[in-house]
């Protein structure tokens, strides 16, 4: 038996580098090196990477003290909290309904999933026309009211992502052991007791995945924010221009486009942004995985 295993493993070990090294090299060139260079450029003043001049931590000081960046952070934090709750609750509710032997369930799954196939910029422009068509009857527009702009973005993203999360929840619900559900019915458990005591604990891996995706998507959101409101409306706070509905990714983009003196500041914001998302994602994964049950 061991001889046969060795005969199979020998050519695999011999030829593995031929397949591994090109992929590894592409990963280093396409991700690792640009990542390291990006961290270096966050400490520099530059127009292009070739003319970078070391500036120290001044870019980080400017980034943290920027009123627009602070506003974008709190906007993104609030948006992430609302989106995570709204998207996951609705997606789970739809998935639960579609796994209850409903007629036409496959058609509903397709319809709910379709918005996820549409690009963010296209969705942003479509929904901006829809919202402005409604709001003009009340004498206002999406880009003239920060509250409407924020909730318009929440509605757009929820409409786009609920179908995707629904598919993950359906897979999780279908994996719940039937014997557990049968035992709950025999013991006389009500529908709500079965849901909260049996189904949800067994669906925790799907909840972990969906929470991770909605968290990271909320913080990385860019194209929908750009197309729907562009960060507008703008106000002046402490002598600085602040875009009321601007999220972090759009703020970094806007900072870079101010001019070459701000390229380093934008890069510093991007590094802070990466650290923030990484820390939150790791904390969320640890928190939700601790509640998963072994099947």
C-alpha atoms as a PDB file:
ATOM      1  CA  UNK A   1       0.000   0.000   0.000  1.00  0.00           C
ATOM      2  CA  UNK A   2       2.810   2.372   0.983  1.00  0.00           C
ATOM      3  CA  UNK A   3       4.604   1.504  -2.256  1.00  0.00           C
ATOM      4  CA  UNK A   4       1.599   2.532  -4.310  1.00  0.00           C
ATOM      5  CA  UNK A   5       1.280   5.786  -2.368  1.00  0.00           C
ATOM      6  CA  UNK A   6       4.956   6.577  -2.959  1.00  0.00           C
ATOM      7  CA  UNK A   7       4.577   5.852  -6.664  1.00  0.00           C
ATOM      8  CA  UNK A   8       1.754   8.421  -6.835  1.00  0.00           C
ATOM      9  CA  UNK A   9       3.442  11.043  -4.641  1.00  0.00           C
ATOM     10  CA  UNK A  10       6.826  10.883  -6.388  1.00  0.00           C
ATOM     11  CA  UNK A  11       5.759  12.519  -9.704  1.00  0.00           C
ATOM     12  CA  UNK A  12       3.552  14.996  -7.805  1.00  0.00           C
ATOM     13  CA  UNK A  13       6.525  16.168  -5.722  1.00  0.00           C
ATOM     14  CA  UNK A  14       8.712  16.266  -8.820  1.00  0.00           C
ATOM     15  CA  UNK A  15       6.412  18.382 -10.966  1.00  0.00           C
ATOM     16  CA  UNK A  16       4.642  20.439  -8.294  1.00  0.00           C
ATOM     17  CA  UNK A  17       7.091  23.389  -8.509  1.00  0.00           C
ATOM     18  CA  UNK A  18       6.341  23.710 -12.221  1.00  0.00           C
ATOM     19  CA  UNK A  19       2.732  24.583 -11.352  1.00  0.00           C
ATOM     20  CA  UNK A  20       3.243  26.312  -7.984  1.00  0.00           C
ATOM     21  CA  UNK A  21       6.058  28.744  -8.804  1.00  0.00           C
ATOM     22  CA  UNK A  22       4.349  30.631 -11.687  1.00  0.00           C
ATOM     23  CA  UNK A  23       1.260  31.189  -9.518  1.00  0.00           C
ATOM     24  CA  UNK A  24       3.377  32.203  -6.527  1.00  0.00           C
ATOM     25  CA  UNK A  25       5.409  34.585  -8.693  1.00  0.00           C
ATOM     26  CA  UNK A  26       2.231  36.171 -10.083  1.00  0.00           C
ATOM     27  CA  UNK A  27       0.933  36.579  -6.521  1.00  0.00           C
ATOM     28  CA  UNK A  28       4.148  38.309  -5.427  1.00  0.00           C
ATOM     29  CA  UNK A  29       4.197  40.618  -8.468  1.00  0.00           C
ATOM     30  CA  UNK A  30       0.471  41.377  -8.412  1.00  0.00           C
ATOM     31  CA  UNK A  31      -0.148  41.653  -4.677  1.00  0.00           C
ATOM     32  CA  UNK A  32       2.805  41.363  -2.271  1.00  0.00           C
ATOM     33  CA  UNK A  33       5.125  43.848  -3.969  1.00  0.00           C
ATOM     34  CA  UNK A  34       2.433  46.528  -4.621  1.00  0.00           C
ATOM     35  CA  UNK A  35       1.282  46.114  -1.000  1.00  0.00           C
ATOM     36  CA  UNK A  36       4.783  46.668   0.383  1.00  0.00           C
ATOM     37  CA  UNK A  37       5.355  49.572  -2.010  1.00  0.00           C
ATOM     38  CA  UNK A  38       2.029  51.094  -0.954  1.00  0.00           C
ATOM     39  CA  UNK A  39       3.067  51.044   2.706  1.00  0.00           C
ATOM     40  CA  UNK A  40       6.381  52.727   1.789  1.00  0.00           C
ATOM     41  CA  UNK A  41       4.633  55.392  -0.320  1.00  0.00           C
ATOM     42  CA  UNK A  42       2.345  56.245   2.602  1.00  0.00           C
ATOM     43  CA  UNK A  43       5.428  57.765   4.264  1.00  0.00           C
ATOM     44  CA  UNK A  44       6.412  59.712   1.136  1.00  0.00           C
ATOM     45  CA  UNK A  45       5.468  62.743  -0.911  1.00  0.00           C
ATOM     46  CA  UNK A  46       5.119  61.656  -4.523  1.00  0.00           C
ATOM     47  CA  UNK A  47       3.466  62.147  -7.875  1.00  0.00           C
ATOM     48  CA  UNK A  48       4.622  58.789  -9.255  1.00  0.00           C
ATOM     49  CA  UNK A  49       6.425  56.031  -7.298  1.00  0.00           C
ATOM     50  CA  UNK A  50       9.701  56.923  -9.034  1.00  0.00           C
ATOM     51  CA  UNK A  51       9.828  60.477  -7.618  1.00  0.00           C
ATOM     52  CA  UNK A  52       8.852  59.554  -4.042  1.00  0.00           C
ATOM     53  CA  UNK A  53      10.545  61.563  -1.288  1.00  0.00           C
ATOM     54  CA  UNK A  54      10.492  60.440   2.335  1.00  0.00           C
ATOM     55  CA  UNK A  55       8.209  62.556   4.538  1.00  0.00           C
ATOM     56  CA  UNK A  56       7.934  60.428   7.665  1.00  0.00           C
ATOM     57  CA  UNK A  57       4.642  60.245   9.574  1.00  0.00           C
ATOM     58  CA  UNK A  58       3.386  63.650   8.407  1.00  0.00           C
ATOM     59  CA  UNK A  59       1.002  61.975   5.924  1.00  0.00           C
ATOM     60  CA  UNK A  60      -0.559  59.980   8.746  1.00  0.00           C
ATOM     61  CA  UNK A  61      -0.906  63.084  10.908  1.00  0.00           C
ATOM     62  CA  UNK A  62      -2.685  64.890   8.063  1.00  0.00           C
ATOM     63  CA  UNK A  63      -4.891  61.873   7.367  1.00  0.00           C
ATOM     64  CA  UNK A  64      -6.035  61.418  10.960  1.00  0.00           C
ATOM     65  CA  UNK A  65      -6.613  65.146  11.500  1.00  0.00           C
ATOM     66  CA  UNK A  66      -8.612  65.502   8.254  1.00  0.00           C
ATOM     67  CA  UNK A  67     -12.223  66.388   9.120  1.00  0.00           C
ATOM     68  CA  UNK A  68     -13.448  64.731   5.916  1.00  0.00           C
ATOM     69  CA  UNK A  69     -11.709  61.471   6.797  1.00  0.00           C
ATOM     70  CA  UNK A  70     -13.162  61.516  10.316  1.00  0.00           C
ATOM     71  CA  UNK A  71     -16.637  62.165   8.941  1.00  0.00           C
ATOM     72  CA  UNK A  72     -16.208  59.364   6.381  1.00  0.00           C
ATOM     73  CA  UNK A  73     -15.153  56.974   9.146  1.00  0.00           C
ATOM     74  CA  UNK A  74     -18.276  57.612  11.226  1.00  0.00           C
ATOM     75  CA  UNK A  75     -20.449  57.450   8.112  1.00  0.00           C
ATOM     76  CA  UNK A  76     -18.919  54.100   7.186  1.00  0.00           C
ATOM     77  CA  UNK A  77     -19.242  52.736  10.731  1.00  0.00           C
ATOM     78  CA  UNK A  78     -22.928  53.682  10.888  1.00  0.00           C
ATOM     79  CA  UNK A  79     -23.537  52.380   7.388  1.00  0.00           C
ATOM     80  CA  UNK A  80     -21.817  49.070   8.212  1.00  0.00           C
ATOM     81  CA  UNK A  81     -23.893  48.502  11.367  1.00  0.00           C
ATOM     82  CA  UNK A  82     -27.192  49.243   9.601  1.00  0.00           C
ATOM     83  CA  UNK A  83     -26.276  47.206   6.508  1.00  0.00           C
ATOM     84  CA  UNK A  84     -25.066  44.154   8.432  1.00  0.00           C
ATOM     85  CA  UNK A  85     -28.280  43.953  10.450  1.00  0.00           C
ATOM     86  CA  UNK A  86     -30.671  44.793   7.614  1.00  0.00           C
ATOM     87  CA  UNK A  87     -29.107  42.617   4.914  1.00  0.00           C
ATOM     88  CA  UNK A  88     -28.576  39.556   7.096  1.00  0.00           C
ATOM     89  CA  UNK A  89     -31.978  39.642   8.796  1.00  0.00           C
ATOM     90  CA  UNK A  90     -33.884  40.041   5.519  1.00  0.00           C
ATOM     91  CA  UNK A  91     -31.678  37.537   3.645  1.00  0.00           C
ATOM     92  CA  UNK A  92     -32.128  34.938   6.394  1.00  0.00           C
ATOM     93  CA  UNK A  93     -35.898  35.531   6.511  1.00  0.00           C
ATOM     94  CA  UNK A  94     -36.207  35.070   2.744  1.00  0.00           C
ATOM     95  CA  UNK A  95     -33.973  31.985   2.783  1.00  0.00           C
ATOM     96  CA  UNK A  96     -36.010  30.483   5.622  1.00  0.00           C
ATOM     97  CA  UNK A  97     -39.249  31.106   3.742  1.00  0.00           C
ATOM     98  CA  UNK A  98     -37.881  29.617   0.517  1.00  0.00           C
ATOM     99  CA  UNK A  99     -36.813  26.409   2.265  1.00  0.00           C
ATOM    100  CA  UNK A 100     -40.331  25.734   3.591  1.00  0.00           C
ATOM    101  CA  UNK A 101     -41.510  23.872   0.469  1.00  0.00           C
ATOM    102  CA  UNK A 102     -42.896  27.030  -1.119  1.00  0.00           C
ATOM    103  CA  UNK A 103     -44.244  26.784  -4.666  1.00  0.00           C
ATOM    104  CA  UNK A 104     -42.020  28.536  -7.211  1.00  0.00           C
ATOM    105  CA  UNK A 105     -39.104  28.726  -4.753  1.00  0.00           C
ATOM    106  CA  UNK A 106     -36.489  28.363  -7.513  1.00  0.00           C
ATOM    107  CA  UNK A 107     -37.998  31.272  -9.461  1.00  0.00           C
ATOM    108  CA  UNK A 108     -37.954  33.462  -6.349  1.00  0.00           C
ATOM    109  CA  UNK A 109     -34.319  32.545  -5.681  1.00  0.00           C
ATOM    110  CA  UNK A 110     -33.370  33.610  -9.196  1.00  0.00           C
ATOM    111  CA  UNK A 111     -35.296  36.884  -8.968  1.00  0.00           C
ATOM    112  CA  UNK A 112     -33.794  37.811  -5.596  1.00  0.00           C
ATOM    113  CA  UNK A 113     -30.262  36.940  -6.764  1.00  0.00           C
ATOM    114  CA  UNK A 114     -30.387  38.904 -10.038  1.00  0.00           C
ATOM    115  CA  UNK A 115     -29.605  42.391  -8.574  1.00  0.00           C
ATOM    116  CA  UNK A 116     -26.211  41.065  -7.474  1.00  0.00           C
ATOM    117  CA  UNK A 117     -25.289  40.587 -11.148  1.00  0.00           C
ATOM    118  CA  UNK A 118     -25.675  44.306 -11.930  1.00  0.00           C
ATOM    119  CA  UNK A 119     -22.609  46.540 -11.583  1.00  0.00           C
ATOM    120  CA  UNK A 120     -22.456  49.016  -8.706  1.00  0.00           C
ATOM    121  CA  UNK A 121     -22.081  52.112 -10.903  1.00  0.00           C
ATOM    122  CA  UNK A 122     -25.095  51.134 -13.010  1.00  0.00           C
ATOM    123  CA  UNK A 123     -27.147  50.506  -9.870  1.00  0.00           C
ATOM    124  CA  UNK A 124     -26.060  53.838  -8.421  1.00  0.00           C
ATOM    125  CA  UNK A 125     -27.272  55.826 -11.424  1.00  0.00           C
ATOM    126  CA  UNK A 126     -30.513  53.836 -11.721  1.00  0.00           C
ATOM    127  CA  UNK A 127     -31.401  54.298  -8.064  1.00  0.00           C
ATOM    128  CA  UNK A 128     -30.407  57.972  -8.095  1.00  0.00           C
ATOM    129  CA  UNK A 129     -33.001  58.550 -10.824  1.00  0.00           C
ATOM    130  CA  UNK A 130     -35.594  56.555  -8.871  1.00  0.00           C
ATOM    131  CA  UNK A 131     -34.974  58.438  -5.624  1.00  0.00           C
ATOM    132  CA  UNK A 132     -34.815  61.861  -7.279  1.00  0.00           C
ATOM    133  CA  UNK A 133     -38.044  61.107  -9.132  1.00  0.00           C
ATOM    134  CA  UNK A 134     -39.727  60.475  -5.780  1.00  0.00           C
ATOM    135  CA  UNK A 135     -38.055  63.240  -3.772  1.00  0.00           C
ATOM    136  CA  UNK A 136     -38.644  66.018  -6.313  1.00  0.00           C
ATOM    137  CA  UNK A 137     -42.333  65.826  -5.381  1.00  0.00           C
ATOM    138  CA  UNK A 138     -41.265  66.981  -1.926  1.00  0.00           C
ATOM    139  CA  UNK A 139     -38.992  69.749  -3.184  1.00  0.00           C
ATOM    140  CA  UNK A 140     -35.670  68.063  -2.465  1.00  0.00           C
ATOM    141  CA  UNK A 141     -33.103  65.753  -4.045  1.00  0.00           C
ATOM    142  CA  UNK A 142     -30.884  62.923  -2.879  1.00  0.00           C
ATOM    143  CA  UNK A 143     -27.711  64.999  -3.116  1.00  0.00           C
ATOM    144  CA  UNK A 144     -29.155  67.914  -1.167  1.00  0.00           C
ATOM    145  CA  UNK A 145     -30.087  65.978   1.970  1.00  0.00           C
ATOM    146  CA  UNK A 146     -27.576  63.923   3.937  1.00  0.00           C
ATOM    147  CA  UNK A 147     -30.205  61.771   5.663  1.00  0.00           C
ATOM    148  CA  UNK A 148     -31.877  60.826   2.374  1.00  0.00           C
ATOM    149  CA  UNK A 149     -28.475  60.165   0.815  1.00  0.00           C
ATOM    150  CA  UNK A 150     -27.425  57.836   3.637  1.00  0.00           C
ATOM    151  CA  UNK A 151     -30.626  55.803   3.621  1.00  0.00           C
ATOM    152  CA  UNK A 152     -30.706  55.768  -0.163  1.00  0.00           C
ATOM    153  CA  UNK A 153     -27.287  54.116  -0.102  1.00  0.00           C
ATOM    154  CA  UNK A 154     -28.481  51.602   2.498  1.00  0.00           C
ATOM    155  CA  UNK A 155     -31.495  50.679   0.352  1.00  0.00           C
ATOM    156  CA  UNK A 156     -29.377  50.336  -2.799  1.00  0.00           C
ATOM    157  CA  UNK A 157     -26.768  48.076  -1.178  1.00  0.00           C
ATOM    158  CA  UNK A 158     -29.393  45.989   0.616  1.00  0.00           C
ATOM    159  CA  UNK A 159     -31.295  45.489  -2.638  1.00  0.00           C
ATOM    160  CA  UNK A 160     -28.087  44.397  -4.362  1.00  0.00           C
ATOM    161  CA  UNK A 161     -26.633  42.084  -1.706  1.00  0.00           C
ATOM    162  CA  UNK A 162     -29.640  40.430  -0.032  1.00  0.00           C
ATOM    163  CA  UNK A 163     -30.004  37.882  -2.843  1.00  0.00           C
ATOM    164  CA  UNK A 164     -26.362  36.805  -2.615  1.00  0.00           C
ATOM    165  CA  UNK A 165     -26.536  36.334   1.161  1.00  0.00           C
ATOM    166  CA  UNK A 166     -29.845  34.519   0.727  1.00  0.00           C
ATOM    167  CA  UNK A 167     -28.135  31.818  -1.367  1.00  0.00           C
ATOM    168  CA  UNK A 168     -25.552  31.241   1.382  1.00  0.00           C
ATOM    169  CA  UNK A 169     -28.264  31.032   4.035  1.00  0.00           C
ATOM    170  CA  UNK A 170     -30.267  28.570   1.915  1.00  0.00           C
ATOM    171  CA  UNK A 171     -27.202  26.314   1.707  1.00  0.00           C
ATOM    172  CA  UNK A 172     -26.796  26.569   5.482  1.00  0.00           C
ATOM    173  CA  UNK A 173     -30.455  25.819   6.162  1.00  0.00           C
ATOM    174  CA  UNK A 174     -30.441  22.801   3.883  1.00  0.00           C
ATOM    175  CA  UNK A 175     -27.443  21.415   5.808  1.00  0.00           C
ATOM    176  CA  UNK A 176     -29.303  21.380   9.152  1.00  0.00           C
ATOM    177  CA  UNK A 177     -29.550  17.698  10.205  1.00  0.00           C
ATOM    178  CA  UNK A 178     -33.057  16.391   9.638  1.00  0.00           C
ATOM    179  CA  UNK A 179     -32.873  14.183  12.726  1.00  0.00           C
ATOM    180  CA  UNK A 180     -32.461  17.276  14.914  1.00  0.00           C
ATOM    181  CA  UNK A 181     -35.554  18.870  13.401  1.00  0.00           C
ATOM    182  CA  UNK A 182     -37.474  15.611  13.816  1.00  0.00           C
ATOM    183  CA  UNK A 183     -36.388  15.339  17.455  1.00  0.00           C
ATOM    184  CA  UNK A 184     -37.537  18.907  18.094  1.00  0.00           C
ATOM    185  CA  UNK A 185     -40.958  18.133  16.595  1.00  0.00           C
ATOM    186  CA  UNK A 186     -41.292  14.976  18.683  1.00  0.00           C
ATOM    187  CA  UNK A 187     -40.379  16.913  21.839  1.00  0.00           C
ATOM    188  CA  UNK A 188     -43.164  19.376  21.070  1.00  0.00           C
ATOM    189  CA  UNK A 189     -40.958  22.380  20.287  1.00  0.00           C
ATOM    190  CA  UNK A 190     -42.764  25.351  18.794  1.00  0.00           C
ATOM    191  CA  UNK A 191     -41.698  26.927  15.507  1.00  0.00           C
ATOM    192  CA  UNK A 192     -39.820  29.762  17.242  1.00  0.00           C
ATOM    193  CA  UNK A 193     -38.120  27.346  19.658  1.00  0.00           C
ATOM    194  CA  UNK A 194     -36.977  25.163  16.759  1.00  0.00           C
ATOM    195  CA  UNK A 195     -35.718  28.243  14.906  1.00  0.00           C
ATOM    196  CA  UNK A 196     -33.696  29.729  17.772  1.00  0.00           C
ATOM    197  CA  UNK A 197     -32.596  26.545  19.550  1.00  0.00           C
ATOM    198  CA  UNK A 198     -31.938  24.207  16.616  1.00  0.00           C
ATOM    199  CA  UNK A 199     -31.803  25.954  13.245  1.00  0.00           C
ATOM    200  CA  UNK A 200     -29.856  29.151  14.011  1.00  0.00           C
ATOM    201  CA  UNK A 201     -27.076  27.387  16.025  1.00  0.00           C
ATOM    202  CA  UNK A 202     -26.603  24.981  13.100  1.00  0.00           C
ATOM    203  CA  UNK A 203     -26.584  27.827  10.569  1.00  0.00           C
ATOM    204  CA  UNK A 204     -23.875  29.763  12.424  1.00  0.00           C
ATOM    205  CA  UNK A 205     -21.181  28.946   9.797  1.00  0.00           C
ATOM    206  CA  UNK A 206     -23.387  30.618   7.166  1.00  0.00           C
ATOM    207  CA  UNK A 207     -24.028  33.539   9.526  1.00  0.00           C
ATOM    208  CA  UNK A 208     -20.263  33.892  10.044  1.00  0.00           C
ATOM    209  CA  UNK A 209     -19.673  33.982   6.290  1.00  0.00           C
ATOM    210  CA  UNK A 210     -22.497  36.420   5.539  1.00  0.00           C
ATOM    211  CA  UNK A 211     -21.554  38.739   8.398  1.00  0.00           C
ATOM    212  CA  UNK A 212     -17.950  38.779   7.179  1.00  0.00           C
ATOM    213  CA  UNK A 213     -19.004  39.558   3.617  1.00  0.00           C
ATOM    214  CA  UNK A 214     -21.450  42.318   4.578  1.00  0.00           C
ATOM    215  CA  UNK A 215     -18.918  43.858   6.984  1.00  0.00           C
ATOM    216  CA  UNK A 216     -16.084  43.979   4.461  1.00  0.00           C
ATOM    217  CA  UNK A 217     -18.384  45.014   1.600  1.00  0.00           C
ATOM    218  CA  UNK A 218     -19.784  47.878   3.690  1.00  0.00           C
ATOM    219  CA  UNK A 219     -16.335  49.241   4.483  1.00  0.00           C
ATOM    220  CA  UNK A 220     -14.994  48.758   0.945  1.00  0.00           C
ATOM    221  CA  UNK A 221     -18.053  50.280  -0.731  1.00  0.00           C
ATOM    222  CA  UNK A 222     -16.990  52.718  -3.440  1.00  0.00           C
ATOM    223  CA  UNK A 223     -18.711  52.600  -6.822  1.00  0.00           C
ATOM    224  CA  UNK A 224     -22.269  52.744  -5.452  1.00  0.00           C
ATOM    225  CA  UNK A 225     -21.329  55.677  -3.228  1.00  0.00           C
ATOM    226  CA  UNK A 226     -19.683  57.495  -6.137  1.00  0.00           C
ATOM    227  CA  UNK A 227     -22.577  56.941  -8.552  1.00  0.00           C
ATOM    228  CA  UNK A 228     -25.472  57.531  -6.134  1.00  0.00           C
ATOM    229  CA  UNK A 229     -24.432  60.676  -4.248  1.00  0.00           C
ATOM    230  CA  UNK A 230     -20.748  61.329  -4.943  1.00  0.00           C
ATOM    231  CA  UNK A 231     -20.499  62.151  -1.223  1.00  0.00           C
ATOM    232  CA  UNK A 232     -22.841  65.143  -1.549  1.00  0.00           C
ATOM    233  CA  UNK A 233     -24.132  67.344  -0.012  1.00  0.00           C
ATOM    234  CA  UNK A 234     -21.050  69.270   1.151  1.00  0.00           C
ATOM    235  CA  UNK A 235     -20.751  71.542   4.182  1.00  0.00           C
ATOM    236  CA  UNK A 236     -17.967  73.561   5.780  1.00  0.00           C
ATOM    237  CA  UNK A 237     -16.837  72.324   9.198  1.00  0.00           C
ATOM    238  CA  UNK A 238     -14.064  74.196  11.040  1.00  0.00           C
ATOM    239  CA  UNK A 239     -12.978  75.790   7.775  1.00  0.00           C
ATOM    240  CA  UNK A 240     -12.767  72.446   5.931  1.00  0.00           C
ATOM    241  CA  UNK A 241     -15.056  71.042   3.263  1.00  0.00           C
ATOM    242  CA  UNK A 242     -16.829  67.861   4.377  1.00  0.00           C
ATOM    243  CA  UNK A 243     -18.972  65.626   2.185  1.00  0.00           C
ATOM    244  CA  UNK A 244     -21.883  64.421   4.297  1.00  0.00           C
ATOM    245  CA  UNK A 245     -22.555  61.060   2.572  1.00  0.00           C
ATOM    246  CA  UNK A 246     -18.942  60.209   1.738  1.00  0.00           C
ATOM    247  CA  UNK A 247     -17.668  56.793   2.881  1.00  0.00           C
ATOM    248  CA  UNK A 248     -14.025  55.867   3.511  1.00  0.00           C
ATOM    249  CA  UNK A 249     -13.159  54.410   0.095  1.00  0.00           C
ATOM    250  CA  UNK A 250     -14.588  57.441  -1.718  1.00  0.00           C
ATOM    251  CA  UNK A 251     -12.779  59.803   0.669  1.00  0.00           C
ATOM    252  CA  UNK A 252      -9.443  58.146  -0.151  1.00  0.00           C
ATOM    253  CA  UNK A 253     -10.182  58.453  -3.877  1.00  0.00           C
ATOM    254  CA  UNK A 254     -11.197  62.116  -3.517  1.00  0.00           C
ATOM    255  CA  UNK A 255      -8.071  62.910  -1.472  1.00  0.00           C
ATOM    256  CA  UNK A 256      -5.801  61.409  -4.137  1.00  0.00           C
ATOM    257  CA  UNK A 257      -7.465  63.492  -6.847  1.00  0.00           C
ATOM    258  CA  UNK A 258      -6.855  66.788  -5.031  1.00  0.00           C
ATOM    259  CA  UNK A 259      -3.307  66.894  -6.372  1.00  0.00           C
ATOM    260  CA  UNK A 260       0.178  65.413  -6.109  1.00  0.00           C
ATOM    261  CA  UNK A 261       0.777  66.968  -2.680  1.00  0.00           C
ATOM    262  CA  UNK A 262      -2.032  64.757  -1.368  1.00  0.00           C
ATOM    263  CA  UNK A 263      -1.061  61.465  -2.979  1.00  0.00           C
ATOM    264  CA  UNK A 264       0.927  60.448   0.094  1.00  0.00           C
ATOM    265  CA  UNK A 265      -1.926  61.465   2.392  1.00  0.00           C
ATOM    266  CA  UNK A 266      -4.356  59.357   0.360  1.00  0.00           C
ATOM    267  CA  UNK A 267      -1.949  56.422   0.561  1.00  0.00           C
ATOM    268  CA  UNK A 268      -1.681  56.851   4.337  1.00  0.00           C
ATOM    269  CA  UNK A 269      -5.480  56.812   4.551  1.00  0.00           C
ATOM    270  CA  UNK A 270      -5.504  53.607   2.489  1.00  0.00           C
ATOM    271  CA  UNK A 271      -3.098  51.908   4.923  1.00  0.00           C
ATOM    272  CA  UNK A 272      -5.209  53.007   7.906  1.00  0.00           C
ATOM    273  CA  UNK A 273      -8.254  51.754   6.027  1.00  0.00           C
ATOM    274  CA  UNK A 274      -6.638  48.340   5.451  1.00  0.00           C
ATOM    275  CA  UNK A 275      -5.670  47.975   9.122  1.00  0.00           C
ATOM    276  CA  UNK A 276      -9.160  48.984  10.238  1.00  0.00           C
ATOM    277  CA  UNK A 277     -10.936  46.493   7.954  1.00  0.00           C
ATOM    278  CA  UNK A 278      -8.487  43.695   8.815  1.00  0.00           C
ATOM    279  CA  UNK A 279      -8.902  44.179  12.580  1.00  0.00           C
ATOM    280  CA  UNK A 280     -12.700  44.335  12.364  1.00  0.00           C
ATOM    281  CA  UNK A 281     -12.903  41.299  10.078  1.00  0.00           C
ATOM    282  CA  UNK A 282     -10.655  39.197  12.336  1.00  0.00           C
ATOM    283  CA  UNK A 283     -12.615  40.255  15.452  1.00  0.00           C
ATOM    284  CA  UNK A 284     -15.915  39.432  13.756  1.00  0.00           C
ATOM    285  CA  UNK A 285     -14.678  36.022  12.592  1.00  0.00           C
ATOM    286  CA  UNK A 286     -13.473  35.177  16.094  1.00  0.00           C
ATOM    287  CA  UNK A 287     -16.723  36.332  17.723  1.00  0.00           C
ATOM    288  CA  UNK A 288     -19.097  34.449  15.417  1.00  0.00           C
ATOM    289  CA  UNK A 289     -17.016  31.280  15.034  1.00  0.00           C
ATOM    290  CA  UNK A 290     -16.976  30.860  18.821  1.00  0.00           C
ATOM    291  CA  UNK A 291     -20.751  30.334  18.617  1.00  0.00           C
ATOM    292  CA  UNK A 292     -20.663  27.687  15.910  1.00  0.00           C
ATOM    293  CA  UNK A 293     -21.671  24.176  16.896  1.00  0.00           C
ATOM    294  CA  UNK A 294     -20.032  20.956  15.723  1.00  0.00           C
ATOM    295  CA  UNK A 295     -22.276  18.677  13.722  1.00  0.00           C
END
